[in-house]
C-alpha atoms as a PDB file:
ATOM      1  CA  UNK A   1     -62.615 -44.080 -82.927  1.00  0.00           C
ATOM      2  CA  UNK A   2     -61.591 -42.222 -79.819  1.00  0.00           C
ATOM      3  CA  UNK A   3     -58.910 -44.070 -77.844  1.00  0.00           C
ATOM      4  CA  UNK A   4     -58.152 -43.714 -74.202  1.00  0.00           C
ATOM      5  CA  UNK A   5     -54.414 -43.261 -74.084  1.00  0.00           C
ATOM      6  CA  UNK A   6     -52.648 -41.224 -71.527  1.00  0.00           C
ATOM      7  CA  UNK A   7     -49.160 -42.677 -71.483  1.00  0.00           C
ATOM      8  CA  UNK A   8     -47.816 -39.529 -73.131  1.00  0.00           C
ATOM      9  CA  UNK A   9     -49.545 -37.128 -70.780  1.00  0.00           C
ATOM     10  CA  UNK A  10     -48.005 -36.581 -67.406  1.00  0.00           C
ATOM     11  CA  UNK A  11     -50.262 -34.872 -64.926  1.00  0.00           C
ATOM     12  CA  UNK A  12     -49.356 -33.726 -61.493  1.00  0.00           C
ATOM     13  CA  UNK A  13     -50.738 -31.416 -58.924  1.00  0.00           C
ATOM     14  CA  UNK A  14     -49.346 -27.939 -59.632  1.00  0.00           C
ATOM     15  CA  UNK A  15     -50.000 -26.636 -56.183  1.00  0.00           C
ATOM     16  CA  UNK A  16     -51.963 -27.682 -53.157  1.00  0.00           C
ATOM     17  CA  UNK A  17     -55.688 -27.458 -53.689  1.00  0.00           C
ATOM     18  CA  UNK A  18     -57.438 -24.513 -52.252  1.00  0.00           C
ATOM     19  CA  UNK A  19     -60.698 -24.606 -50.381  1.00  0.00           C
ATOM     20  CA  UNK A  20     -62.540 -21.309 -50.056  1.00  0.00           C
ATOM     21  CA  UNK A  21     -64.596 -21.594 -46.893  1.00  0.00           C
ATOM     22  CA  UNK A  22     -65.508 -19.368 -44.002  1.00  0.00           C
ATOM     23  CA  UNK A  23     -64.493 -22.200 -41.640  1.00  0.00           C
ATOM     24  CA  UNK A  24     -60.685 -22.349 -41.331  1.00  0.00           C
ATOM     25  CA  UNK A  25     -60.893 -25.743 -39.537  1.00  0.00           C
ATOM     26  CA  UNK A  26     -62.159 -27.549 -42.661  1.00  0.00           C
ATOM     27  CA  UNK A  27     -59.443 -29.911 -43.995  1.00  0.00           C
ATOM     28  CA  UNK A  28     -57.993 -29.096 -47.422  1.00  0.00           C
ATOM     29  CA  UNK A  29     -57.231 -32.158 -49.522  1.00  0.00           C
ATOM     30  CA  UNK A  30     -54.391 -33.891 -47.634  1.00  0.00           C
ATOM     31  CA  UNK A  31     -55.273 -37.375 -48.859  1.00  0.00           C
ATOM     32  CA  UNK A  32     -53.145 -40.329 -49.979  1.00  0.00           C
ATOM     33  CA  UNK A  33     -55.753 -41.203 -52.654  1.00  0.00           C
ATOM     34  CA  UNK A  34     -54.723 -38.176 -54.749  1.00  0.00           C
ATOM     35  CA  UNK A  35     -52.825 -38.804 -57.973  1.00  0.00           C
ATOM     36  CA  UNK A  36     -52.176 -37.159 -61.326  1.00  0.00           C
ATOM     37  CA  UNK A  37     -55.742 -37.793 -62.593  1.00  0.00           C
ATOM     38  CA  UNK A  38     -57.763 -37.412 -59.407  1.00  0.00           C
ATOM     39  CA  UNK A  39     -58.020 -35.242 -56.332  1.00  0.00           C
ATOM     40  CA  UNK A  40     -59.937 -36.016 -53.150  1.00  0.00           C
ATOM     41  CA  UNK A  41     -60.645 -32.947 -51.029  1.00  0.00           C
ATOM     42  CA  UNK A  42     -61.587 -35.112 -48.047  1.00  0.00           C
ATOM     43  CA  UNK A  43     -64.196 -33.769 -45.609  1.00  0.00           C
ATOM     44  CA  UNK A  44     -65.330 -30.324 -46.709  1.00  0.00           C
ATOM     45  CA  UNK A  45     -68.061 -28.013 -45.451  1.00  0.00           C
ATOM     46  CA  UNK A  46     -71.132 -27.955 -47.729  1.00  0.00           C
ATOM     47  CA  UNK A  47     -71.289 -24.662 -49.650  1.00  0.00           C
ATOM     48  CA  UNK A  48     -67.522 -24.390 -50.110  1.00  0.00           C
ATOM     49  CA  UNK A  49     -65.965 -23.491 -53.436  1.00  0.00           C
ATOM     50  CA  UNK A  50     -63.295 -26.102 -54.180  1.00  0.00           C
ATOM     51  CA  UNK A  51     -60.421 -25.555 -56.597  1.00  0.00           C
ATOM     52  CA  UNK A  52     -57.607 -27.769 -57.843  1.00  0.00           C
ATOM     53  CA  UNK A  53     -54.978 -27.315 -60.565  1.00  0.00           C
ATOM     54  CA  UNK A  54     -53.696 -30.200 -62.686  1.00  0.00           C
ATOM     55  CA  UNK A  55     -50.741 -29.978 -65.075  1.00  0.00           C
ATOM     56  CA  UNK A  56     -50.943 -31.429 -68.582  1.00  0.00           C
ATOM     57  CA  UNK A  57     -47.541 -31.914 -70.241  1.00  0.00           C
ATOM     58  CA  UNK A  58     -46.831 -33.026 -73.787  1.00  0.00           C
ATOM     59  CA  UNK A  59     -44.306 -35.884 -73.600  1.00  0.00           C
ATOM     60  CA  UNK A  60     -44.643 -36.786 -77.307  1.00  0.00           C
ATOM     61  CA  UNK A  61     -42.416 -35.907 -80.246  1.00  0.00           C
ATOM     62  CA  UNK A  62     -45.309 -34.098 -81.981  1.00  0.00           C
ATOM     63  CA  UNK A  63     -47.453 -31.176 -80.821  1.00  0.00           C
ATOM     64  CA  UNK A  64     -50.882 -31.741 -79.283  1.00  0.00           C
ATOM     65  CA  UNK A  65     -54.041 -29.599 -79.264  1.00  0.00           C
ATOM     66  CA  UNK A  66     -56.690 -29.544 -76.554  1.00  0.00           C
ATOM     67  CA  UNK A  67     -59.867 -29.604 -78.611  1.00  0.00           C
ATOM     68  CA  UNK A  68     -62.555 -29.602 -75.936  1.00  0.00           C
ATOM     69  CA  UNK A  69     -63.097 -29.703 -72.184  1.00  0.00           C
ATOM     70  CA  UNK A  70     -66.385 -31.052 -70.826  1.00  0.00           C
ATOM     71  CA  UNK A  71     -67.483 -31.283 -67.189  1.00  0.00           C
ATOM     72  CA  UNK A  72     -69.973 -33.763 -65.757  1.00  0.00           C
ATOM     73  CA  UNK A  73     -72.139 -31.069 -64.159  1.00  0.00           C
ATOM     74  CA  UNK A  74     -72.788 -27.336 -64.373  1.00  0.00           C
ATOM     75  CA  UNK A  75     -71.546 -27.106 -60.750  1.00  0.00           C
ATOM     76  CA  UNK A  76     -68.057 -27.925 -62.055  1.00  0.00           C
ATOM     77  CA  UNK A  77     -66.118 -25.557 -64.290  1.00  0.00           C
ATOM     78  CA  UNK A  78     -62.691 -25.807 -65.832  1.00  0.00           C
ATOM     79  CA  UNK A  79     -60.254 -23.563 -67.616  1.00  0.00           C
ATOM     80  CA  UNK A  80     -57.072 -24.276 -69.525  1.00  0.00           C
ATOM     81  CA  UNK A  81     -54.244 -21.761 -69.908  1.00  0.00           C
ATOM     82  CA  UNK A  82     -52.971 -23.026 -73.306  1.00  0.00           C
ATOM     83  CA  UNK A  83     -54.667 -25.135 -75.974  1.00  0.00           C
ATOM     84  CA  UNK A  84     -51.660 -26.098 -78.109  1.00  0.00           C
ATOM     85  CA  UNK A  85     -48.557 -27.677 -76.652  1.00  0.00           C
ATOM     86  CA  UNK A  86     -45.279 -28.300 -78.434  1.00  0.00           C
ATOM     87  CA  UNK A  87     -43.208 -31.282 -77.253  1.00  0.00           C
ATOM     88  CA  UNK A  88     -42.057 -30.653 -73.681  1.00  0.00           C
ATOM     89  CA  UNK A  89     -44.529 -27.822 -73.004  1.00  0.00           C
ATOM     90  CA  UNK A  90     -47.148 -27.837 -70.234  1.00  0.00           C
ATOM     91  CA  UNK A  91     -50.403 -26.126 -69.379  1.00  0.00           C
ATOM     92  CA  UNK A  92     -52.597 -25.801 -66.287  1.00  0.00           C
ATOM     93  CA  UNK A  93     -56.084 -27.319 -66.106  1.00  0.00           C
ATOM     94  CA  UNK A  94     -57.897 -25.364 -63.387  1.00  0.00           C
ATOM     95  CA  UNK A  95     -61.004 -27.075 -61.956  1.00  0.00           C
ATOM     96  CA  UNK A  96     -63.644 -25.365 -59.757  1.00  0.00           C
ATOM     97  CA  UNK A  97     -66.475 -27.189 -57.962  1.00  0.00           C
ATOM     98  CA  UNK A  98     -69.380 -25.328 -56.294  1.00  0.00           C
ATOM     99  CA  UNK A  99     -70.682 -27.605 -53.536  1.00  0.00           C
ATOM    100  CA  UNK A 100     -73.942 -25.759 -52.816  1.00  0.00           C
ATOM    101  CA  UNK A 101     -76.837 -28.222 -52.534  1.00  0.00           C
ATOM    102  CA  UNK A 102     -74.693 -31.381 -52.368  1.00  0.00           C
ATOM    103  CA  UNK A 103     -74.433 -33.790 -49.423  1.00  0.00           C
ATOM    104  CA  UNK A 104     -72.295 -36.800 -48.624  1.00  0.00           C
ATOM    105  CA  UNK A 105     -69.732 -38.324 -50.993  1.00  0.00           C
ATOM    106  CA  UNK A 106     -69.647 -36.457 -54.320  1.00  0.00           C
ATOM    107  CA  UNK A 107     -67.795 -37.328 -57.540  1.00  0.00           C
ATOM    108  CA  UNK A 108     -67.331 -34.849 -60.410  1.00  0.00           C
ATOM    109  CA  UNK A 109     -65.494 -35.414 -63.685  1.00  0.00           C
ATOM    110  CA  UNK A 110     -63.667 -33.320 -66.276  1.00  0.00           C
ATOM    111  CA  UNK A 111     -63.052 -34.789 -69.748  1.00  0.00           C
ATOM    112  CA  UNK A 112     -60.234 -33.324 -71.862  1.00  0.00           C
ATOM    113  CA  UNK A 113     -60.277 -34.193 -75.583  1.00  0.00           C
ATOM    114  CA  UNK A 114     -56.721 -34.077 -76.933  1.00  0.00           C
ATOM    115  CA  UNK A 115     -55.677 -34.283 -80.568  1.00  0.00           C
ATOM    116  CA  UNK A 116     -52.174 -35.460 -81.455  1.00  0.00           C
ATOM    117  CA  UNK A 117     -51.003 -33.327 -84.361  1.00  0.00           C
ATOM    118  CA  UNK A 118     -48.858 -34.486 -87.303  1.00  0.00           C
ATOM    119  CA  UNK A 119     -45.531 -32.861 -88.059  1.00  0.00           C
ATOM    120  CA  UNK A 120     -46.980 -30.899 -90.966  1.00  0.00           C
ATOM    121  CA  UNK A 121     -50.165 -30.761 -93.021  1.00  0.00           C
ATOM    122  CA  UNK A 122     -48.338 -32.249 -96.013  1.00  0.00           C
ATOM    123  CA  UNK A 123     -46.855 -35.172 -94.105  1.00  0.00           C
ATOM    124  CA  UNK A 124     -49.311 -37.957 -94.989  1.00  0.00           C
ATOM    125  CA  UNK A 125     -47.799 -40.542 -92.632  1.00  0.00           C
ATOM    126  CA  UNK A 126     -47.935 -38.170 -89.645  1.00  0.00           C
ATOM    127  CA  UNK A 127     -51.539 -37.270 -90.479  1.00  0.00           C
ATOM    128  CA  UNK A 128     -52.485 -40.965 -90.536  1.00  0.00           C
ATOM    129  CA  UNK A 129     -50.866 -41.478 -87.145  1.00  0.00           C
ATOM    130  CA  UNK A 130     -52.632 -38.493 -85.577  1.00  0.00           C
ATOM    131  CA  UNK A 131     -55.269 -39.618 -83.121  1.00  0.00           C
ATOM    132  CA  UNK A 132     -57.561 -38.269 -80.458  1.00  0.00           C
ATOM    133  CA  UNK A 133     -57.490 -39.170 -76.781  1.00  0.00           C
ATOM    134  CA  UNK A 134     -59.854 -38.361 -73.957  1.00  0.00           C
ATOM    135  CA  UNK A 135     -58.418 -37.888 -70.506  1.00  0.00           C
ATOM    136  CA  UNK A 136     -60.722 -38.156 -67.488  1.00  0.00           C
ATOM    137  CA  UNK A 137     -59.995 -36.251 -64.306  1.00  0.00           C
ATOM    138  CA  UNK A 138     -61.944 -36.905 -61.118  1.00  0.00           C
ATOM    139  CA  UNK A 139     -62.479 -34.717 -58.078  1.00  0.00           C
ATOM    140  CA  UNK A 140     -64.236 -36.024 -54.980  1.00  0.00           C
ATOM    141  CA  UNK A 141     -65.269 -34.687 -51.604  1.00  0.00           C
ATOM    142  CA  UNK A 142     -67.188 -35.743 -48.507  1.00  0.00           C
ATOM    143  CA  UNK A 143     -69.544 -32.835 -47.898  1.00  0.00           C
ATOM    144  CA  UNK A 144     -70.573 -32.140 -44.324  1.00  0.00           C
ATOM    145  CA  UNK A 145     -72.965 -29.556 -42.872  1.00  0.00           C
END
């Protein structure tokens, strides 16, 4: 059974989100609703390419492996810089959202399937304690013409 646990993952915005738009007056994600699992770009011009980086850090005593990343739509893409993290290590989850054809309030999701690894393949107790978690990240925007 897949469990939703994220107490051992600390996520934070690596850098301010970037909005690639021909209109420099479009706001770029300054929003108090942003947190380590979600990012709201605010009002954004339709047709913009939105990008945000999240950090995934391993706060456990054992290594973790990122098994799979799934997005809610083909308009959203994601990339991870490292798939295996030793205790204390971090990686960047880069999320891109193409807003072409969307209007109004839009929600997109990225699901990261993480496997907690045992200390060694021969350690039966660690193998029994290994478990999978799915983290859900959300990006939102209010698209305007």
